Structure formats: structure tokens, C-alpha cells
Amino acid sequence: MVDRSQLMRGTLEGCIVKIISEEETYGYEIVSWLRDYGFEDVGEGSTYPILVRLEKKKIISSTYKESPLGPKRKYYFLTDMGKEFLREFETTWNDVKNTVDRIMKGE
């Protein structure tokens, strides 16, 4: 049986960066977007460590902002390195996707 979570884990980092590139956002909202897009098994426990790792790599940065529902939220945004990372991820993803598609179609 194919382990979907293992397959998706490799692409999750790039998908999170893409979501953040669309608009400054916070962790729980990122998890919600991921689930809406089809990462049903993704939760805070797997997303927050990725956010920490991306921030350490300077791909994203963060700032705290007031929340209407309680304590301040940590909002994430892309850095210049993050924009470059996203361009490289999209290129690499398309290369891998095209290769797998050709193999699956028997080309």
C-alpha cells in the first residue's frame, strides 16, 4: 500500500511557502488552507515544525499582530530568499511531476 503521508511530506514545505506567498497569514490559517486543498491529515503538529524550520532558513519571517479573538498571532510572510525558494520549488516540482506523468502514461 502506498503511504500517502510519506509522499506528501516531501512537497508540504513548498506548498506552505506558496500559501504564505499569497498573503501574510498565521499558522492555524495555513493548516486550514492545506486541509482545504486536500492535505486532510495535516495538522498543527506537522505544520508548526515546518514553519520553524523555514524561519530558521530565512525563507519566511514573522511578526506578531493583534487578534480579535484573544492573544496576538504570529503572522508569516515571505522573505526575498523565500521568493527565490518558491521559484526553485515550482521549477523542481514541475520537472518531477512531468517525469512521473510520463512514466505513468508509459511514454
C-alpha atoms as a PDB file:
ATOM      1  CA  MET A   1       0.000   0.000   0.000  1.00  0.00           C
ATOM      2  CA  VAL A   2       1.273   3.484  -0.875  1.00  0.00           C
ATOM      3  CA  ASP A   3       1.996   5.694   2.122  1.00  0.00           C
ATOM      4  CA  ARG A   4       0.294   8.932   1.076  1.00  0.00           C
ATOM      5  CA  SER A   5       1.638  10.862   4.054  1.00  0.00           C
ATOM      6  CA  GLN A   6       5.234   9.984   3.159  1.00  0.00           C
ATOM      7  CA  LEU A   7       4.690  11.043  -0.435  1.00  0.00           C
ATOM      8  CA  MET A   8       3.016  14.331   0.537  1.00  0.00           C
ATOM      9  CA  ARG A   9       5.551  15.200   3.240  1.00  0.00           C
ATOM     10  CA  GLY A  10       8.180  15.966   0.635  1.00  0.00           C
ATOM     11  CA  THR A  11       6.004  18.590  -1.013  1.00  0.00           C
ATOM     12  CA  LEU A  12       4.443  20.131   2.087  1.00  0.00           C
ATOM     13  CA  GLU A  13       7.230  22.649   2.675  1.00  0.00           C
ATOM     14  CA  GLY A  14       6.871  24.107  -0.823  1.00  0.00           C
ATOM     15  CA  CYS A  15       3.086  24.209  -0.516  1.00  0.00           C
ATOM     16  CA  ILE A  16       3.308  26.106   2.771  1.00  0.00           C
ATOM     17  CA  VAL A  17       5.673  28.636   1.195  1.00  0.00           C
ATOM     18  CA  LYS A  18       3.236  29.075  -1.715  1.00  0.00           C
ATOM     19  CA  ILE A  19       0.326  29.710   0.671  1.00  0.00           C
ATOM     20  CA  ILE A  20       2.365  32.291   2.572  1.00  0.00           C
ATOM     21  CA  SER A  21       3.365  33.947  -0.713  1.00  0.00           C
ATOM     22  CA  GLU A  22      -0.295  34.669  -1.452  1.00  0.00           C
ATOM     23  CA  GLU A  23      -0.801  36.706   1.726  1.00  0.00           C
ATOM     24  CA  GLU A  24       0.623  37.219   5.179  1.00  0.00           C
ATOM     25  CA  THR A  25      -1.017  34.564   7.323  1.00  0.00           C
ATOM     26  CA  TYR A  26      -0.817  32.698  10.629  1.00  0.00           C
ATOM     27  CA  GLY A  27      -0.305  29.029  11.481  1.00  0.00           C
ATOM     28  CA  TYR A  28      -3.859  27.852  12.027  1.00  0.00           C
ATOM     29  CA  GLU A  29      -4.984  29.528   8.812  1.00  0.00           C
ATOM     30  CA  ILE A  30      -2.166  27.773   6.922  1.00  0.00           C
ATOM     31  CA  VAL A  31      -3.356  24.425   8.321  1.00  0.00           C
ATOM     32  CA  SER A  32      -6.919  25.249   7.221  1.00  0.00           C
ATOM     33  CA  TRP A  33      -5.748  26.086   3.685  1.00  0.00           C
ATOM     34  CA  LEU A  34      -3.728  22.888   3.480  1.00  0.00           C
ATOM     35  CA  ARG A  35      -6.763  20.845   4.518  1.00  0.00           C
ATOM     36  CA  ASP A  36      -8.984  22.686   2.036  1.00  0.00           C
ATOM     37  CA  TYR A  37      -6.511  21.828  -0.737  1.00  0.00           C
ATOM     38  CA  GLY A  38      -6.540  18.138   0.162  1.00  0.00           C
ATOM     39  CA  PHE A  39      -3.934  17.628   2.879  1.00  0.00           C
ATOM     40  CA  GLU A  40      -6.637  16.233   5.189  1.00  0.00           C
ATOM     41  CA  ASP A  41      -4.143  14.554   7.522  1.00  0.00           C
ATOM     42  CA  VAL A  42      -2.032  17.665   8.082  1.00  0.00           C
ATOM     43  CA  GLY A  43      -2.347  19.282  11.477  1.00  0.00           C
ATOM     44  CA  GLU A  44      -0.620  21.790  13.666  1.00  0.00           C
ATOM     45  CA  GLY A  45       1.799  19.097  14.873  1.00  0.00           C
ATOM     46  CA  SER A  46       3.355  18.768  11.432  1.00  0.00           C
ATOM     47  CA  THR A  47       2.879  22.345  10.207  1.00  0.00           C
ATOM     48  CA  TYR A  48       4.442  24.328  13.048  1.00  0.00           C
ATOM     49  CA  PRO A  49       7.803  22.495  12.948  1.00  0.00           C
ATOM     50  CA  ILE A  50       7.979  23.248   9.214  1.00  0.00           C
ATOM     51  CA  LEU A  51       7.255  26.927   9.912  1.00  0.00           C
ATOM     52  CA  VAL A  52      10.061  26.989  12.499  1.00  0.00           C
ATOM     53  CA  ARG A  53      12.451  25.323  10.036  1.00  0.00           C
ATOM     54  CA  LEU A  54      11.505  27.733   7.224  1.00  0.00           C
ATOM     55  CA  GLU A  55      12.028  30.690   9.537  1.00  0.00           C
ATOM     56  CA  LYS A  56      15.465  29.393  10.611  1.00  0.00           C
ATOM     57  CA  LYS A  57      16.400  29.088   6.928  1.00  0.00           C
ATOM     58  CA  LYS A  58      15.221  32.718   6.432  1.00  0.00           C
ATOM     59  CA  ILE A  59      12.713  31.607   3.801  1.00  0.00           C
ATOM     60  CA  ILE A  60       9.923  33.151   5.846  1.00  0.00           C
ATOM     61  CA  SER A  61       9.827  35.712   8.616  1.00  0.00           C
ATOM     62  CA  SER A  62       7.169  36.575  11.160  1.00  0.00           C
ATOM     63  CA  THR A  63       5.635  39.332  13.178  1.00  0.00           C
ATOM     64  CA  TYR A  64       3.080  39.355  15.979  1.00  0.00           C
ATOM     65  CA  LYS A  65      -0.221  41.130  15.351  1.00  0.00           C
ATOM     66  CA  GLU A  66      -3.312  41.746  17.412  1.00  0.00           C
ATOM     67  CA  SER A  67      -6.076  39.177  17.139  1.00  0.00           C
ATOM     68  CA  PRO A  68      -9.767  39.977  17.563  1.00  0.00           C
ATOM     69  CA  LEU A  69     -10.194  36.638  19.362  1.00  0.00           C
ATOM     70  CA  GLY A  70      -7.529  36.732  22.053  1.00  0.00           C
ATOM     71  CA  PRO A  71      -3.745  36.908  22.258  1.00  0.00           C
ATOM     72  CA  LYS A  72      -1.543  38.204  19.459  1.00  0.00           C
ATOM     73  CA  ARG A  73      -0.999  35.899  16.495  1.00  0.00           C
ATOM     74  CA  LYS A  74       2.267  35.156  14.773  1.00  0.00           C
ATOM     75  CA  TYR A  75       1.878  36.107  11.105  1.00  0.00           C
ATOM     76  CA  TYR A  76       4.269  34.738   8.497  1.00  0.00           C
ATOM     77  CA  PHE A  77       5.448  36.381   5.302  1.00  0.00           C
ATOM     78  CA  LEU A  78       7.943  35.545   2.574  1.00  0.00           C
ATOM     79  CA  THR A  79      11.468  36.948   2.536  1.00  0.00           C
ATOM     80  CA  ASP A  80      13.480  37.573  -0.619  1.00  0.00           C
ATOM     81  CA  MET A  81      15.117  34.181  -0.046  1.00  0.00           C
ATOM     82  CA  GLY A  82      11.624  32.733   0.216  1.00  0.00           C
ATOM     83  CA  LYS A  83      10.656  34.146  -3.162  1.00  0.00           C
ATOM     84  CA  GLU A  84      13.719  32.510  -4.704  1.00  0.00           C
ATOM     85  CA  PHE A  85      12.977  29.249  -2.862  1.00  0.00           C
ATOM     86  CA  LEU A  86       9.433  29.268  -4.257  1.00  0.00           C
ATOM     87  CA  ARG A  87      10.649  29.818  -7.835  1.00  0.00           C
ATOM     88  CA  GLU A  88      13.091  26.920  -7.465  1.00  0.00           C
ATOM     89  CA  PHE A  89      10.457  24.696  -5.827  1.00  0.00           C
ATOM     90  CA  GLU A  90       7.957  25.330  -8.629  1.00  0.00           C
ATOM     91  CA  THR A  91      10.571  24.506 -11.278  1.00  0.00           C
ATOM     92  CA  THR A  92      11.675  21.344  -9.490  1.00  0.00           C
ATOM     93  CA  TRP A  93       8.087  20.271  -8.773  1.00  0.00           C
ATOM     94  CA  ASN A  94       7.121  20.670 -12.430  1.00  0.00           C
ATOM     95  CA  ASP A  95      10.156  18.654 -13.540  1.00  0.00           C
ATOM     96  CA  VAL A  96       9.351  15.808 -11.129  1.00  0.00           C
ATOM     97  CA  LYS A  97       5.625  15.915 -11.922  1.00  0.00           C
ATOM     98  CA  ASN A  98       6.264  15.790 -15.670  1.00  0.00           C
ATOM     99  CA  THR A  99       8.685  12.883 -15.276  1.00  0.00           C
ATOM    100  CA  VAL A 100       6.258  10.867 -13.136  1.00  0.00           C
ATOM    101  CA  ASP A 101       3.392  11.670 -15.513  1.00  0.00           C
ATOM    102  CA  ARG A 102       5.422  10.362 -18.482  1.00  0.00           C
ATOM    103  CA  ILE A 103       6.267   7.170 -16.610  1.00  0.00           C
ATOM    104  CA  MET A 104       2.651   6.607 -15.504  1.00  0.00           C
ATOM    105  CA  LYS A 105       1.436   7.134 -19.077  1.00  0.00           C
ATOM    106  CA  GLY A 106       4.085   4.737 -20.389  1.00  0.00           C
ATOM    107  CA  GLU A 107       5.697   7.327 -22.623  1.00  0.00           C
END
